[in-house]
Protein backbone atom coordinates (compact mmCIF):
# COMPACT_ATOMS: atom_id res chain seq x y z
CA MET A 1 91.91 56.40 71.84
CA GLY A 2 88.61 58.93 72.06
CA LEU A 3 84.86 58.46 74.15
CA VAL A 4 83.35 58.34 71.32
CA GLU A 5 85.92 55.98 69.73
CA GLY A 6 85.74 53.49 72.19
CA ILE A 7 81.99 53.43 72.42
CA VAL A 8 81.66 53.11 68.89
CA THR A 9 84.85 49.78 69.57
CA GLY A 10 82.93 48.54 71.79
CA ILE A 11 79.68 48.92 70.16
CA ARG A 12 81.62 46.80 67.69
CA GLN A 13 83.25 43.74 69.23
CA GLU A 14 80.16 43.11 70.93
CA ALA A 15 78.59 43.69 66.76
CA LEU A 16 80.53 40.70 66.14
CA SER A 17 80.29 38.91 68.69
CA ALA A 18 76.97 37.74 68.90
CA ALA A 19 77.18 37.39 65.93
CA ILE A 20 79.79 35.02 65.97
CA ARG A 21 77.10 33.80 68.76
CA LEU A 22 74.67 32.54 66.32
CA ILE A 23 77.01 30.95 64.02
CA ALA A 24 78.24 28.86 66.22
CA ASP A 25 75.17 28.16 67.66
CA ARG A 26 73.98 26.62 64.49
CA ARG A 27 77.01 24.93 62.96
CA LEU A 28 78.10 23.11 66.60
CA ARG A 29 74.34 22.41 66.90
CA GLY A 30 75.65 17.84 67.68
CA TYR A 31 78.98 18.60 68.24
CA GLY A 32 79.03 21.11 71.24
CA SER A 33 78.64 24.28 72.76
CA LEU A 34 80.74 27.38 72.40
CA GLY A 35 81.82 29.60 75.82
CA ASP A 36 84.01 32.54 75.68
CA VAL A 37 84.09 34.83 72.63
CA HIS A 38 86.27 37.53 72.32
CA VAL A 39 86.76 39.79 69.96
CA ASP A 40 89.64 42.44 68.90
CA VAL A 41 88.48 44.84 66.30
CA LYS A 42 91.11 46.94 66.33
CA ARG A 43 94.22 43.72 65.95
CA ARG A 44 91.31 41.83 63.70
CA SER A 45 91.97 38.83 66.03
CA LEU A 46 89.04 36.75 67.22
CA ALA A 47 89.28 33.44 68.98
CA VAL A 48 86.38 31.08 71.43
CA SER A 49 86.58 28.06 73.43
CA VAL A 50 84.64 25.23 72.60
CA ILE A 51 83.00 22.94 74.55
CA LEU A 52 82.03 19.74 72.54
CA ASP A 53 81.02 17.04 73.57
CA GLY A 54 82.16 14.15 75.86
CA GLU A 55 84.97 16.13 75.95
CA THR A 56 86.33 16.94 79.82
CA GLU A 57 87.93 20.96 78.73
CA PRO A 58 87.06 23.51 76.89
CA ILE A 59 88.51 23.82 72.92
CA THR A 60 90.17 27.12 72.10
CA LEU A 61 90.44 28.85 68.52
CA ALA A 62 91.93 31.23 67.65
CA ALA A 63 92.48 33.72 64.59
CA GLU A 64 94.89 36.39 63.40
CA ARG A 65 93.18 37.87 61.32
CA TYR A 66 90.03 38.47 60.85
CA GLU A 67 88.06 40.32 57.70
CA ILE A 68 84.87 41.45 56.46
CA VAL A 69 83.57 40.91 53.18
CA CYS A 70 80.55 41.50 50.43
CA ARG A 71 79.98 39.04 48.12
CA GLU A 72 77.21 38.80 46.01
CA GLY A 73 75.34 41.18 48.17
CA SER A 74 75.59 38.37 51.35
CA HIS A 75 78.12 40.26 54.51
CA GLY A 76 80.63 37.28 56.04
CA ILE A 77 84.01 37.17 57.89
CA ILE A 78 86.97 34.90 56.22
CA VAL A 79 89.56 34.60 58.53
CA HIS A 80 93.40 33.62 58.93
CA GLY A 81 95.82 32.15 60.40
CA VAL A 82 93.72 29.60 62.70
CA THR A 83 94.92 27.61 65.45
CA ALA A 84 93.35 25.18 68.69
CA SER A 85 94.74 23.93 71.66
CA ARG A 86 94.37 20.73 69.69
CA LYS A 87 96.15 19.91 67.18
CA TRP A 88 93.67 17.48 65.21
CA VAL A 89 91.65 20.55 66.08
CA GLU A 90 93.05 22.97 64.26
CA ASN A 91 94.19 20.99 61.66
CA LEU A 92 90.13 20.68 61.08
CA ALA A 93 89.99 24.35 61.65
CA ARG A 94 92.87 24.56 58.98
CA THR A 95 90.77 22.00 57.00
CA PHE A 96 86.97 23.78 56.72
CA LEU A 97 87.45 27.07 58.63
CA GLU A 98 90.80 28.90 57.21
CA GLY A 99 90.77 31.48 54.33
CA ARG A 100 87.02 30.70 53.90
CA PHE A 101 83.55 32.65 53.50
CA ILE A 102 81.74 32.40 56.18
CA ALA A 103 77.54 34.61 56.02
CA LEU A 104 77.16 36.20 58.24
CA PRO A 105 73.14 37.01 60.11
CA GLU A 106 71.59 39.75 58.17
CA ALA A 107 71.36 41.81 61.28
CA ALA A 108 74.83 41.39 63.33
CA ALA A 109 75.71 42.86 58.91
CA LYS A 110 74.10 45.52 59.42
CA ALA A 111 75.17 46.78 62.53
CA LEU A 112 78.51 45.60 62.12
CA LYS A 113 78.69 47.80 58.29
CA CYS A 114 76.89 50.79 60.41
CA LEU A 115 78.95 50.82 63.27
CA ALA A 116 82.62 51.10 59.98
């Protein structure tokens, strides 16, 4: 990997991580908070840890593959191959996240589009 390619990859990973944090902060409000976010733009995979209210250990959620798409003028992310460290969370994630369009914040979508 060349220097410029490495820098662009790092920036893309940071932009997507920031977008995931914004989305998660809104959606987890009242249920818990987001911990670590790991994005691999080369493999197009991601993993996050979530600290749910009342739980003593973080729960890990992972997506084997993600895609950034544009629908009706809005950019979003769709995740595939969702797994979790707790079976009940995995079942919820497969029901409510797997294959669904999740809109990205406009600023993050623009940054990712410029870096594509």
